[in-house]
């Protein structure tokens, strides 16, 4: 997030995925997305809500979120290579307050690295 703030001085607000991911969007087509522990604001119909603790979105679903004017206030957003088996029990327990979430290369699936 620090890189985003330093490198994106012209963004209207740093909670909009479209503005943050725009420079690298074309490099993200081969990923599914894990979103957990979210707090957000949206006036649009999007593939996330407050009824569930986490979401696993495919590229098309994430594109809907990316193209909306949703503000992601808080949460974990992870790009995961397609067709990786994820432990949904582990995902359900993810919290931004858990220090394990921030350890490099130690996240969600041993098959990733």
PDB file of N, CA and C in Angstrom:
ATOM      1  N   UNK A   1       0.822  -1.200   0.000  1.00  0.00           N
ATOM      2  CA  UNK A   1       0.000   0.000   0.000  1.00  0.00           C
ATOM      3  C   UNK A   1       0.860   1.255   0.000  1.00  0.00           C
ATOM      4  N   UNK A   2       1.994   1.212   0.674  1.00  0.00           N
ATOM      5  CA  UNK A   2       2.867   2.387   0.661  1.00  0.00           C
ATOM      6  C   UNK A   2       3.301   2.739  -0.750  1.00  0.00           C
ATOM      7  N   UNK A   3       3.627   1.697  -1.566  1.00  0.00           N
ATOM      8  CA  UNK A   3       3.999   1.949  -2.954  1.00  0.00           C
ATOM      9  C   UNK A   3       2.853   2.624  -3.688  1.00  0.00           C
ATOM     10  N   UNK A   4       1.646   2.161  -3.463  1.00  0.00           N
ATOM     11  CA  UNK A   4       0.477   2.742  -4.130  1.00  0.00           C
ATOM     12  C   UNK A   4       0.363   4.218  -3.792  1.00  0.00           C
ATOM     13  N   UNK A   5       0.495   4.560  -2.548  1.00  0.00           N
ATOM     14  CA  UNK A   5       0.352   5.955  -2.131  1.00  0.00           C
ATOM     15  C   UNK A   5       1.466   6.812  -2.728  1.00  0.00           C
ATOM     16  N   UNK A   6       2.706   6.329  -2.687  1.00  0.00           N
ATOM     17  CA  UNK A   6       3.836   7.108  -3.226  1.00  0.00           C
ATOM     18  C   UNK A   6       3.777   7.233  -4.739  1.00  0.00           C
ATOM     19  N   UNK A   7       3.301   6.212  -5.426  1.00  0.00           N
ATOM     20  CA  UNK A   7       3.398   6.148  -6.880  1.00  0.00           C
ATOM     21  C   UNK A   7       2.146   6.599  -7.614  1.00  0.00           C
ATOM     22  N   UNK A   8       1.131   6.966  -6.900  1.00  0.00           N
ATOM     23  CA  UNK A   8      -0.144   7.287  -7.555  1.00  0.00           C
ATOM     24  C   UNK A   8      -0.704   8.601  -7.031  1.00  0.00           C
ATOM     25  N   UNK A   9       0.031   9.638  -7.193  1.00  0.00           N
ATOM     26  CA  UNK A   9      -0.370  10.952  -6.672  1.00  0.00           C
ATOM     27  C   UNK A   9      -1.635  11.496  -7.333  1.00  0.00           C
ATOM     28  N   UNK A  10      -1.946  11.061  -8.565  1.00  0.00           N
ATOM     29  CA  UNK A  10      -3.084  11.615  -9.289  1.00  0.00           C
ATOM     30  C   UNK A  10      -4.389  10.856  -9.081  1.00  0.00           C
ATOM     31  N   UNK A  11      -4.380   9.821  -8.284  1.00  0.00           N
ATOM     32  CA  UNK A  11      -5.601   9.050  -8.030  1.00  0.00           C
ATOM     33  C   UNK A  11      -6.537   9.842  -7.126  1.00  0.00           C
ATOM     34  N   UNK A  12      -7.811   9.855  -7.495  1.00  0.00           N
ATOM     35  CA  UNK A  12      -8.803  10.591  -6.698  1.00  0.00           C
ATOM     36  C   UNK A  12      -8.961   9.992  -5.308  1.00  0.00           C
ATOM     37  N   UNK A  13      -9.000   8.659  -5.224  1.00  0.00           N
ATOM     38  CA  UNK A  13      -9.054   8.017  -3.920  1.00  0.00           C
ATOM     39  C   UNK A  13      -8.376   6.660  -4.019  1.00  0.00           C
ATOM     40  N   UNK A  14      -7.616   6.300  -2.996  1.00  0.00           N
ATOM     41  CA  UNK A  14      -6.797   5.100  -2.999  1.00  0.00           C
ATOM     42  C   UNK A  14      -7.553   3.841  -2.590  1.00  0.00           C
ATOM     43  N   UNK A  15      -8.842   3.925  -2.504  1.00  0.00           N
ATOM     44  CA  UNK A  15      -9.647   2.763  -2.164  1.00  0.00           C
ATOM     45  C   UNK A  15     -10.385   2.226  -3.384  1.00  0.00           C
ATOM     46  N   UNK A  16     -10.087   2.736  -4.579  1.00  0.00           N
ATOM     47  CA  UNK A  16     -10.740   2.306  -5.803  1.00  0.00           C
ATOM     48  C   UNK A  16      -9.818   1.358  -6.569  1.00  0.00           C
ATOM     49  N   UNK A  17     -10.216   0.092  -6.707  1.00  0.00           N
ATOM     50  CA  UNK A  17      -9.385  -0.905  -7.373  1.00  0.00           C
ATOM     51  C   UNK A  17      -9.060  -0.526  -8.808  1.00  0.00           C
ATOM     52  N   UNK A  18     -10.005   0.081  -9.505  1.00  0.00           N
ATOM     53  CA  UNK A  18      -9.776   0.423 -10.907  1.00  0.00           C
ATOM     54  C   UNK A  18      -8.584   1.368 -11.052  1.00  0.00           C
ATOM     55  N   UNK A  19      -8.529   2.359 -10.230  1.00  0.00           N
ATOM     56  CA  UNK A  19      -7.440   3.323 -10.331  1.00  0.00           C
ATOM     57  C   UNK A  19      -6.116   2.740  -9.856  1.00  0.00           C
ATOM     58  N   UNK A  20      -6.144   1.907  -8.846  1.00  0.00           N
ATOM     59  CA  UNK A  20      -4.910   1.320  -8.315  1.00  0.00           C
ATOM     60  C   UNK A  20      -4.333   0.269  -9.266  1.00  0.00           C
ATOM     61  N   UNK A  21      -5.201  -0.593  -9.817  1.00  0.00           N
ATOM     62  CA  UNK A  21      -4.725  -1.702 -10.642  1.00  0.00           C
ATOM     63  C   UNK A  21      -4.592  -1.372 -12.127  1.00  0.00           C
ATOM     64  N   UNK A  22      -5.067  -0.217 -12.550  1.00  0.00           N
ATOM     65  CA  UNK A  22      -5.055   0.139 -13.970  1.00  0.00           C
ATOM     66  C   UNK A  22      -3.682  -0.042 -14.626  1.00  0.00           C
ATOM     67  N   UNK A  23      -2.576   0.395 -14.029  1.00  0.00           N
ATOM     68  CA  UNK A  23      -1.278   0.254 -14.699  1.00  0.00           C
ATOM     69  C   UNK A  23      -0.841  -1.198 -14.920  1.00  0.00           C
ATOM     70  N   UNK A  24      -1.374  -2.144 -14.150  1.00  0.00           N
ATOM     71  CA  UNK A  24      -0.947  -3.537 -14.275  1.00  0.00           C
ATOM     72  C   UNK A  24      -2.096  -4.473 -14.651  1.00  0.00           C
ATOM     73  N   UNK A  25      -3.265  -3.933 -14.969  1.00  0.00           N
ATOM     74  CA  UNK A  25      -4.451  -4.739 -15.210  1.00  0.00           C
ATOM     75  C   UNK A  25      -4.215  -5.824 -16.272  1.00  0.00           C
ATOM     76  N   UNK A  26      -3.563  -5.494 -17.362  1.00  0.00           N
ATOM     77  CA  UNK A  26      -3.346  -6.473 -18.431  1.00  0.00           C
ATOM     78  C   UNK A  26      -2.450  -7.628 -18.006  1.00  0.00           C
ATOM     79  N   UNK A  27      -1.677  -7.459 -16.963  1.00  0.00           N
ATOM     80  CA  UNK A  27      -0.813  -8.527 -16.456  1.00  0.00           C
ATOM     81  C   UNK A  27      -1.539  -9.456 -15.486  1.00  0.00           C
ATOM     82  N   UNK A  28      -2.793  -9.167 -15.190  1.00  0.00           N
ATOM     83  CA  UNK A  28      -3.520  -9.914 -14.160  1.00  0.00           C
ATOM     84  C   UNK A  28      -4.569 -10.863 -14.719  1.00  0.00           C
ATOM     85  N   UNK A  29      -4.510 -11.168 -16.001  1.00  0.00           N
ATOM     86  CA  UNK A  29      -5.566 -11.980 -16.625  1.00  0.00           C
ATOM     87  C   UNK A  29      -5.487 -13.464 -16.292  1.00  0.00           C
ATOM     88  N   UNK A  30      -4.377 -13.938 -15.794  1.00  0.00           N
ATOM     89  CA  UNK A  30      -4.211 -15.366 -15.524  1.00  0.00           C
ATOM     90  C   UNK A  30      -4.453 -15.735 -14.065  1.00  0.00           C
ATOM     91  N   UNK A  31      -5.224 -14.921 -13.376  1.00  0.00           N
ATOM     92  CA  UNK A  31      -5.410 -15.132 -11.939  1.00  0.00           C
ATOM     93  C   UNK A  31      -6.879 -15.223 -11.568  1.00  0.00           C
ATOM     94  N   UNK A  32      -7.131 -15.981 -10.508  1.00  0.00           N
ATOM     95  CA  UNK A  32      -8.380 -15.891  -9.766  1.00  0.00           C
ATOM     96  C   UNK A  32      -8.073 -15.002  -8.570  1.00  0.00           C
ATOM     97  N   UNK A  33      -9.102 -14.671  -7.814  1.00  0.00           N
ATOM     98  CA  UNK A  33      -8.924 -13.681  -6.741  1.00  0.00           C
ATOM     99  C   UNK A  33      -9.556 -14.168  -5.451  1.00  0.00           C
ATOM    100  N   UNK A  34      -8.827 -14.020  -4.367  1.00  0.00           N
ATOM    101  CA  UNK A  34      -9.331 -14.335  -3.040  1.00  0.00           C
ATOM    102  C   UNK A  34      -9.491 -13.015  -2.304  1.00  0.00           C
ATOM    103  N   UNK A  35     -10.698 -12.779  -1.798  1.00  0.00           N
ATOM    104  CA  UNK A  35     -10.984 -11.565  -1.036  1.00  0.00           C
ATOM    105  C   UNK A  35     -11.549 -11.991   0.310  1.00  0.00           C
ATOM    106  N   UNK A  36     -11.009 -11.428   1.372  1.00  0.00           N
ATOM    107  CA  UNK A  36     -11.408 -11.829   2.718  1.00  0.00           C
ATOM    108  C   UNK A  36     -11.343 -10.633   3.657  1.00  0.00           C
ATOM    109  N   UNK A  37     -12.102 -10.724   4.740  1.00  0.00           N
ATOM    110  CA  UNK A  37     -12.075  -9.700   5.792  1.00  0.00           C
ATOM    111  C   UNK A  37     -12.337  -8.314   5.217  1.00  0.00           C
ATOM    112  N   UNK A  38     -13.364  -8.218   4.355  1.00  0.00           N
ATOM    113  CA  UNK A  38     -13.618  -6.992   3.604  1.00  0.00           C
ATOM    114  C   UNK A  38     -14.516  -5.999   4.327  1.00  0.00           C
ATOM    115  N   UNK A  39     -14.217  -4.746   4.090  1.00  0.00           N
ATOM    116  CA  UNK A  39     -15.128  -3.646   4.363  1.00  0.00           C
ATOM    117  C   UNK A  39     -15.087  -2.789   3.106  1.00  0.00           C
ATOM    118  N   UNK A  40     -16.249  -2.452   2.577  1.00  0.00           N
ATOM    119  CA  UNK A  40     -16.291  -1.729   1.313  1.00  0.00           C
ATOM    120  C   UNK A  40     -17.565  -0.898   1.217  1.00  0.00           C
ATOM    121  N   UNK A  41     -17.551   0.017   0.255  1.00  0.00           N
ATOM    122  CA  UNK A  41     -18.703   0.856  -0.032  1.00  0.00           C
ATOM    123  C   UNK A  41     -18.983   0.757  -1.524  1.00  0.00           C
ATOM    124  N   UNK A  42     -20.237   0.475  -1.888  1.00  0.00           N
ATOM    125  CA  UNK A  42     -20.593   0.407  -3.300  1.00  0.00           C
ATOM    126  C   UNK A  42     -22.068   0.702  -3.479  1.00  0.00           C
ATOM    127  N   UNK A  43     -22.379   1.427  -4.536  1.00  0.00           N
ATOM    128  CA  UNK A  43     -23.768   1.671  -4.909  1.00  0.00           C
ATOM    129  C   UNK A  43     -24.174   0.792  -6.082  1.00  0.00           C
ATOM    130  N   UNK A  44     -23.276  -0.113  -6.494  1.00  0.00           N
ATOM    131  CA  UNK A  44     -23.506  -0.934  -7.666  1.00  0.00           C
ATOM    132  C   UNK A  44     -23.693  -2.402  -7.270  1.00  0.00           C
ATOM    133  N   UNK A  45     -24.255  -3.186  -8.175  1.00  0.00           N
ATOM    134  CA  UNK A  45     -24.338  -4.623  -7.984  1.00  0.00           C
ATOM    135  C   UNK A  45     -22.983  -5.210  -8.345  1.00  0.00           C
ATOM    136  N   UNK A  46     -22.348  -5.849  -7.380  1.00  0.00           N
ATOM    137  CA  UNK A  46     -21.011  -6.401  -7.560  1.00  0.00           C
ATOM    138  C   UNK A  46     -20.983  -7.823  -7.001  1.00  0.00           C
ATOM    139  N   UNK A  47     -19.969  -8.612  -7.343  1.00  0.00           N
ATOM    140  CA  UNK A  47     -19.959 -10.014  -6.907  1.00  0.00           C
ATOM    141  C   UNK A  47     -19.456 -10.248  -5.484  1.00  0.00           C
ATOM    142  N   UNK A  48     -19.474  -9.228  -4.638  1.00  0.00           N
ATOM    143  CA  UNK A  48     -19.160  -9.393  -3.216  1.00  0.00           C
ATOM    144  C   UNK A  48     -20.273  -8.746  -2.413  1.00  0.00           C
ATOM    145  N   UNK A  49     -20.400  -9.176  -1.167  1.00  0.00           N
ATOM    146  CA  UNK A  49     -21.417  -8.606  -0.288  1.00  0.00           C
ATOM    147  C   UNK A  49     -20.983  -8.835   1.161  1.00  0.00           C
ATOM    148  N   UNK A  50     -21.821  -8.469   2.077  1.00  0.00           N
ATOM    149  CA  UNK A  50     -21.497  -8.649   3.492  1.00  0.00           C
ATOM    150  C   UNK A  50     -22.098  -9.932   4.070  1.00  0.00           C
ATOM    151  N   UNK A  51     -22.689 -10.769   3.214  1.00  0.00           N
ATOM    152  CA  UNK A  51     -23.304 -12.014   3.672  1.00  0.00           C
ATOM    153  C   UNK A  51     -22.297 -13.140   3.885  1.00  0.00           C
ATOM    154  N   UNK A  52     -21.084 -12.984   3.332  1.00  0.00           N
ATOM    155  CA  UNK A  52     -20.074 -14.034   3.422  1.00  0.00           C
ATOM    156  C   UNK A  52     -18.769 -13.451   3.939  1.00  0.00           C
ATOM    157  N   UNK A  53     -17.954 -14.320   4.535  1.00  0.00           N
ATOM    158  CA  UNK A  53     -16.675 -13.877   5.099  1.00  0.00           C
ATOM    159  C   UNK A  53     -15.576 -13.773   4.061  1.00  0.00           C
ATOM    160  N   UNK A  54     -15.709 -14.509   2.957  1.00  0.00           N
ATOM    161  CA  UNK A  54     -14.685 -14.468   1.918  1.00  0.00           C
ATOM    162  C   UNK A  54     -15.317 -14.765   0.562  1.00  0.00           C
ATOM    163  N   UNK A  55     -14.569 -14.444  -0.481  1.00  0.00           N
ATOM    164  CA  UNK A  55     -15.008 -14.688  -1.851  1.00  0.00           C
ATOM    165  C   UNK A  55     -13.827 -15.186  -2.663  1.00  0.00           C
ATOM    166  N   UNK A  56     -14.094 -16.138  -3.541  1.00  0.00           N
ATOM    167  CA  UNK A  56     -13.114 -16.565  -4.525  1.00  0.00           C
ATOM    168  C   UNK A  56     -13.731 -16.212  -5.874  1.00  0.00           C
ATOM    169  N   UNK A  57     -13.136 -15.237  -6.540  1.00  0.00           N
ATOM    170  CA  UNK A  57     -13.694 -14.717  -7.786  1.00  0.00           C
ATOM    171  C   UNK A  57     -12.830 -15.152  -8.965  1.00  0.00           C
ATOM    172  N   UNK A  58     -13.500 -15.480 -10.066  1.00  0.00           N
ATOM    173  CA  UNK A  58     -12.751 -15.726 -11.292  1.00  0.00           C
ATOM    174  C   UNK A  58     -12.439 -14.377 -11.942  1.00  0.00           C
ATOM    175  N   UNK A  59     -11.716 -14.401 -13.041  1.00  0.00           N
ATOM    176  CA  UNK A  59     -11.288 -13.156 -13.693  1.00  0.00           C
ATOM    177  C   UNK A  59     -12.476 -12.282 -14.086  1.00  0.00           C
ATOM    178  N   UNK A  60     -13.527 -12.886 -14.621  1.00  0.00           N
ATOM    179  CA  UNK A  60     -14.691 -12.111 -15.063  1.00  0.00           C
ATOM    180  C   UNK A  60     -15.404 -11.452 -13.876  1.00  0.00           C
ATOM    181  N   UNK A  61     -15.552 -12.167 -12.777  1.00  0.00           N
ATOM    182  CA  UNK A  61     -16.174 -11.588 -11.582  1.00  0.00           C
ATOM    183  C   UNK A  61     -15.320 -10.465 -11.014  1.00  0.00           C
ATOM    184  N   UNK A  62     -14.009 -10.681 -10.980  1.00  0.00           N
ATOM    185  CA  UNK A  62     -13.135  -9.637 -10.464  1.00  0.00           C
ATOM    186  C   UNK A  62     -13.146  -8.417 -11.377  1.00  0.00           C
ATOM    187  N   UNK A  63     -13.292  -8.657 -12.678  1.00  0.00           N
ATOM    188  CA  UNK A  63     -13.379  -7.539 -13.631  1.00  0.00           C
ATOM    189  C   UNK A  63     -14.606  -6.670 -13.332  1.00  0.00           C
ATOM    190  N   UNK A  64     -15.720  -7.287 -12.955  1.00  0.00           N
ATOM    191  CA  UNK A  64     -16.916  -6.524 -12.558  1.00  0.00           C
ATOM    192  C   UNK A  64     -16.600  -5.606 -11.380  1.00  0.00           C
ATOM    193  N   UNK A  65     -15.904  -6.151 -10.405  1.00  0.00           N
ATOM    194  CA  UNK A  65     -15.514  -5.361  -9.239  1.00  0.00           C
ATOM    195  C   UNK A  65     -14.537  -4.266  -9.643  1.00  0.00           C
ATOM    196  N   UNK A  66     -13.568  -4.613 -10.465  1.00  0.00           N
ATOM    197  CA  UNK A  66     -12.553  -3.675 -10.948  1.00  0.00           C
ATOM    198  C   UNK A  66     -13.186  -2.502 -11.700  1.00  0.00           C
ATOM    199  N   UNK A  67     -14.203  -2.771 -12.502  1.00  0.00           N
ATOM    200  CA  UNK A  67     -14.824  -1.728 -13.312  1.00  0.00           C
ATOM    201  C   UNK A  67     -15.862  -0.908 -12.549  1.00  0.00           C
ATOM    202  N   UNK A  68     -16.203  -1.329 -11.363  1.00  0.00           N
ATOM    203  CA  UNK A  68     -17.176  -0.581 -10.560  1.00  0.00           C
ATOM    204  C   UNK A  68     -16.466   0.548  -9.811  1.00  0.00           C
ATOM    205  N   UNK A  69     -17.229   1.391  -9.199  1.00  0.00           N
ATOM    206  CA  UNK A  69     -16.656   2.454  -8.377  1.00  0.00           C
ATOM    207  C   UNK A  69     -16.742   2.100  -6.901  1.00  0.00           C
ATOM    208  N   UNK A  70     -16.514   0.832  -6.634  1.00  0.00           N
ATOM    209  CA  UNK A  70     -16.510   0.331  -5.264  1.00  0.00           C
ATOM    210  C   UNK A  70     -15.250   0.798  -4.549  1.00  0.00           C
ATOM    211  N   UNK A  71     -15.412   1.208  -3.319  1.00  0.00           N
ATOM    212  CA  UNK A  71     -14.265   1.570  -2.488  1.00  0.00           C
ATOM    213  C   UNK A  71     -13.996   0.417  -1.528  1.00  0.00           C
ATOM    214  N   UNK A  72     -12.818  -0.176  -1.636  1.00  0.00           N
ATOM    215  CA  UNK A  72     -12.402  -1.225  -0.714  1.00  0.00           C
ATOM    216  C   UNK A  72     -11.695  -0.518   0.442  1.00  0.00           C
ATOM    217  N   UNK A  73     -12.336  -0.477   1.576  1.00  0.00           N
ATOM    218  CA  UNK A  73     -11.810   0.237   2.733  1.00  0.00           C
ATOM    219  C   UNK A  73     -10.785  -0.604   3.481  1.00  0.00           C
ATOM    220  N   UNK A  74     -11.058  -1.899   3.552  1.00  0.00           N
ATOM    221  CA  UNK A  74     -10.240  -2.787   4.375  1.00  0.00           C
ATOM    222  C   UNK A  74     -10.359  -4.184   3.809  1.00  0.00           C
ATOM    223  N   UNK A  75      -9.325  -4.983   3.919  1.00  0.00           N
ATOM    224  CA  UNK A  75      -9.440  -6.382   3.553  1.00  0.00           C
ATOM    225  C   UNK A  75      -8.194  -6.953   2.933  1.00  0.00           C
ATOM    226  N   UNK A  76      -8.278  -8.230   2.617  1.00  0.00           N
ATOM    227  CA  UNK A  76      -7.206  -8.967   1.973  1.00  0.00           C
ATOM    228  C   UNK A  76      -7.669  -9.254   0.545  1.00  0.00           C
ATOM    229  N   UNK A  77      -6.861  -8.853  -0.421  1.00  0.00           N
ATOM    230  CA  UNK A  77      -7.141  -9.117  -1.832  1.00  0.00           C
ATOM    231  C   UNK A  77      -5.892  -9.779  -2.403  1.00  0.00           C
ATOM    232  N   UNK A  78      -6.060 -10.999  -2.896  1.00  0.00           N
ATOM    233  CA  UNK A  78      -4.905 -11.753  -3.384  1.00  0.00           C
ATOM    234  C   UNK A  78      -5.170 -12.323  -4.766  1.00  0.00           C
ATOM    235  N   UNK A  79      -4.217 -12.128  -5.659  1.00  0.00           N
ATOM    236  CA  UNK A  79      -4.253 -12.766  -6.965  1.00  0.00           C
ATOM    237  C   UNK A  79      -3.637 -14.151  -6.811  1.00  0.00           C
ATOM    238  N   UNK A  80      -4.351 -15.165  -7.292  1.00  0.00           N
ATOM    239  CA  UNK A  80      -3.902 -16.551  -7.168  1.00  0.00           C
ATOM    240  C   UNK A  80      -3.930 -17.162  -8.571  1.00  0.00           C
ATOM    241  N   UNK A  81      -2.845 -17.801  -8.998  1.00  0.00           N
ATOM    242  CA  UNK A  81      -2.869 -18.435 -10.320  1.00  0.00           C
ATOM    243  C   UNK A  81      -4.086 -19.349 -10.473  1.00  0.00           C
ATOM    244  N   UNK A  82      -4.690 -19.320 -11.654  1.00  0.00           N
ATOM    245  CA  UNK A  82      -5.871 -20.145 -11.919  1.00  0.00           C
ATOM    246  C   UNK A  82      -5.568 -21.618 -11.690  1.00  0.00           C
ATOM    247  N   UNK A  83      -6.598 -22.349 -11.301  1.00  0.00           N
ATOM    248  CA  UNK A  83      -6.541 -23.806 -11.120  1.00  0.00           C
ATOM    249  C   UNK A  83      -5.664 -24.250  -9.951  1.00  0.00           C
ATOM    250  N   UNK A  84      -5.459 -23.411  -8.968  1.00  0.00           N
ATOM    251  CA  UNK A  84      -4.756 -23.783  -7.743  1.00  0.00           C
ATOM    252  C   UNK A  84      -5.807 -24.241  -6.738  1.00  0.00           C
ATOM    253  N   UNK A  85      -5.556 -25.369  -6.088  1.00  0.00           N
ATOM    254  CA  UNK A  85      -6.464 -25.836  -5.042  1.00  0.00           C
ATOM    255  C   UNK A  85      -6.223 -25.006  -3.787  1.00  0.00           C
ATOM    256  N   UNK A  86      -7.254 -24.343  -3.342  1.00  0.00           N
ATOM    257  CA  UNK A  86      -7.153 -23.500  -2.148  1.00  0.00           C
ATOM    258  C   UNK A  86      -7.873 -24.154  -0.983  1.00  0.00           C
ATOM    259  N   UNK A  87      -7.337 -23.989   0.194  1.00  0.00           N
ATOM    260  CA  UNK A  87      -7.937 -24.505   1.416  1.00  0.00           C
ATOM    261  C   UNK A  87      -8.989 -23.496   1.886  1.00  0.00           C
ATOM    262  N   UNK A  88     -10.251 -23.791   1.627  1.00  0.00           N
ATOM    263  CA  UNK A  88     -11.324 -22.849   1.967  1.00  0.00           C
ATOM    264  C   UNK A  88     -11.465 -22.653   3.472  1.00  0.00           C
ATOM    265  N   UNK A  89     -11.087 -23.639   4.260  1.00  0.00           N
ATOM    266  CA  UNK A  89     -11.115 -23.461   5.715  1.00  0.00           C
ATOM    267  C   UNK A  89     -10.092 -22.416   6.143  1.00  0.00           C
ATOM    268  N   UNK A  90      -8.928 -22.456   5.526  1.00  0.00           N
ATOM    269  CA  UNK A  90      -7.895 -21.461   5.819  1.00  0.00           C
ATOM    270  C   UNK A  90      -8.341 -20.071   5.367  1.00  0.00           C
ATOM    271  N   UNK A  91      -8.924 -19.989   4.182  1.00  0.00           N
ATOM    272  CA  UNK A  91      -9.396 -18.702   3.664  1.00  0.00           C
ATOM    273  C   UNK A  91     -10.459 -18.119   4.591  1.00  0.00           C
ATOM    274  N   UNK A  92     -11.351 -18.946   5.080  1.00  0.00           N
ATOM    275  CA  UNK A  92     -12.434 -18.483   5.957  1.00  0.00           C
ATOM    276  C   UNK A  92     -11.900 -17.866   7.241  1.00  0.00           C
ATOM    277  N   UNK A  93     -10.692 -18.266   7.642  1.00  0.00           N
ATOM    278  CA  UNK A  93     -10.108 -17.749   8.882  1.00  0.00           C
ATOM    279  C   UNK A  93      -9.171 -16.560   8.660  1.00  0.00           C
ATOM    280  N   UNK A  94      -8.941 -16.168   7.407  1.00  0.00           N
ATOM    281  CA  UNK A  94      -8.019 -15.068   7.131  1.00  0.00           C
ATOM    282  C   UNK A  94      -8.514 -13.761   7.737  1.00  0.00           C
ATOM    283  N   UNK A  95      -7.596 -13.064   8.340  1.00  0.00           N
ATOM    284  CA  UNK A  95      -7.893 -11.766   8.920  1.00  0.00           C
ATOM    285  C   UNK A  95      -6.704 -10.849   8.680  1.00  0.00           C
ATOM    286  N   UNK A  96      -6.964  -9.600   8.426  1.00  0.00           N
ATOM    287  CA  UNK A  96      -5.878  -8.642   8.233  1.00  0.00           C
ATOM    288  C   UNK A  96      -5.062  -8.462   9.503  1.00  0.00           C
ATOM    289  N   UNK A  97      -5.615  -8.879  10.626  1.00  0.00           N
ATOM    290  CA  UNK A  97      -4.906  -8.757  11.903  1.00  0.00           C
ATOM    291  C   UNK A  97      -3.964  -9.934  12.165  1.00  0.00           C
ATOM    292  N   UNK A  98      -4.042 -10.973  11.333  1.00  0.00           N
ATOM    293  CA  UNK A  98      -3.199 -12.151  11.502  1.00  0.00           C
ATOM    294  C   UNK A  98      -1.837 -11.898  10.859  1.00  0.00           C
ATOM    295  N   UNK A  99      -0.783 -11.987  11.615  1.00  0.00           N
ATOM    296  CA  UNK A  99       0.564 -11.718  11.108  1.00  0.00           C
ATOM    297  C   UNK A  99       0.974 -12.693  10.007  1.00  0.00           C
ATOM    298  N   UNK A 100       0.406 -13.900   9.984  1.00  0.00           N
ATOM    299  CA  UNK A 100       0.756 -14.878   8.951  1.00  0.00           C
ATOM    300  C   UNK A 100       0.363 -14.397   7.556  1.00  0.00           C
ATOM    301  N   UNK A 101      -0.649 -13.573   7.467  1.00  0.00           N
ATOM    302  CA  UNK A 101      -1.103 -13.062   6.179  1.00  0.00           C
ATOM    303  C   UNK A 101      -0.019 -12.232   5.497  1.00  0.00           C
ATOM    304  N   UNK A 102       0.836 -11.620   6.272  1.00  0.00           N
ATOM    305  CA  UNK A 102       1.833 -10.691   5.729  1.00  0.00           C
ATOM    306  C   UNK A 102       3.201 -11.315   5.515  1.00  0.00           C
ATOM    307  N   UNK A 103       3.349 -12.623   5.770  1.00  0.00           N
ATOM    308  CA  UNK A 103       4.622 -13.298   5.552  1.00  0.00           C
ATOM    309  C   UNK A 103       4.770 -13.615   4.062  1.00  0.00           C
ATOM    310  N   UNK A 104       5.865 -13.200   3.475  1.00  0.00           N
ATOM    311  CA  UNK A 104       6.108 -13.414   2.055  1.00  0.00           C
ATOM    312  C   UNK A 104       6.163 -14.913   1.735  1.00  0.00           C
ATOM    313  N   UNK A 105       5.507 -15.293   0.646  1.00  0.00           N
ATOM    314  CA  UNK A 105       5.510 -16.653   0.116  1.00  0.00           C
ATOM    315  C   UNK A 105       4.991 -17.706   1.090  1.00  0.00           C
ATOM    316  N   UNK A 106       4.139 -17.336   1.998  1.00  0.00           N
ATOM    317  CA  UNK A 106       3.575 -18.288   2.946  1.00  0.00           C
ATOM    318  C   UNK A 106       2.085 -17.989   3.091  1.00  0.00           C
ATOM    319  N   UNK A 107       1.327 -18.320   2.014  1.00  0.00           N
ATOM    320  CA  UNK A 107      -0.029 -17.825   1.985  1.00  0.00           C
ATOM    321  C   UNK A 107      -0.944 -18.787   1.232  1.00  0.00           C
ATOM    322  N   UNK A 108      -1.971 -19.242   1.835  1.00  0.00           N
ATOM    323  CA  UNK A 108      -3.096 -19.974   1.251  1.00  0.00           C
ATOM    324  C   UNK A 108      -2.811 -21.375   0.749  1.00  0.00           C
ATOM    325  N   UNK A 109      -1.760 -21.600  -0.010  1.00  0.00           N
ATOM    326  CA  UNK A 109      -1.567 -22.901  -0.618  1.00  0.00           C
ATOM    327  C   UNK A 109      -0.087 -23.209  -0.794  1.00  0.00           C
ATOM    328  N   UNK A 110       0.347 -24.382  -0.354  1.00  0.00           N
ATOM    329  CA  UNK A 110       1.763 -24.740  -0.562  1.00  0.00           C
ATOM    330  C   UNK A 110       2.075 -24.944  -2.051  1.00  0.00           C
ATOM    331  N   UNK A 111       1.066 -25.077  -2.891  1.00  0.00           N
ATOM    332  CA  UNK A 111       1.273 -25.280  -4.317  1.00  0.00           C
ATOM    333  C   UNK A 111       1.635 -24.004  -5.065  1.00  0.00           C
ATOM    334  N   UNK A 112       1.568 -22.873  -4.396  1.00  0.00           N
ATOM    335  CA  UNK A 112       1.812 -21.605  -5.079  1.00  0.00           C
ATOM    336  C   UNK A 112       3.301 -21.344  -5.290  1.00  0.00           C
ATOM    337  N   UNK A 113       4.140 -21.881  -4.441  1.00  0.00           N
ATOM    338  CA  UNK A 113       5.549 -21.502  -4.504  1.00  0.00           C
ATOM    339  C   UNK A 113       6.447 -22.704  -4.660  1.00  0.00           C
TER     340      UNK A 113
END
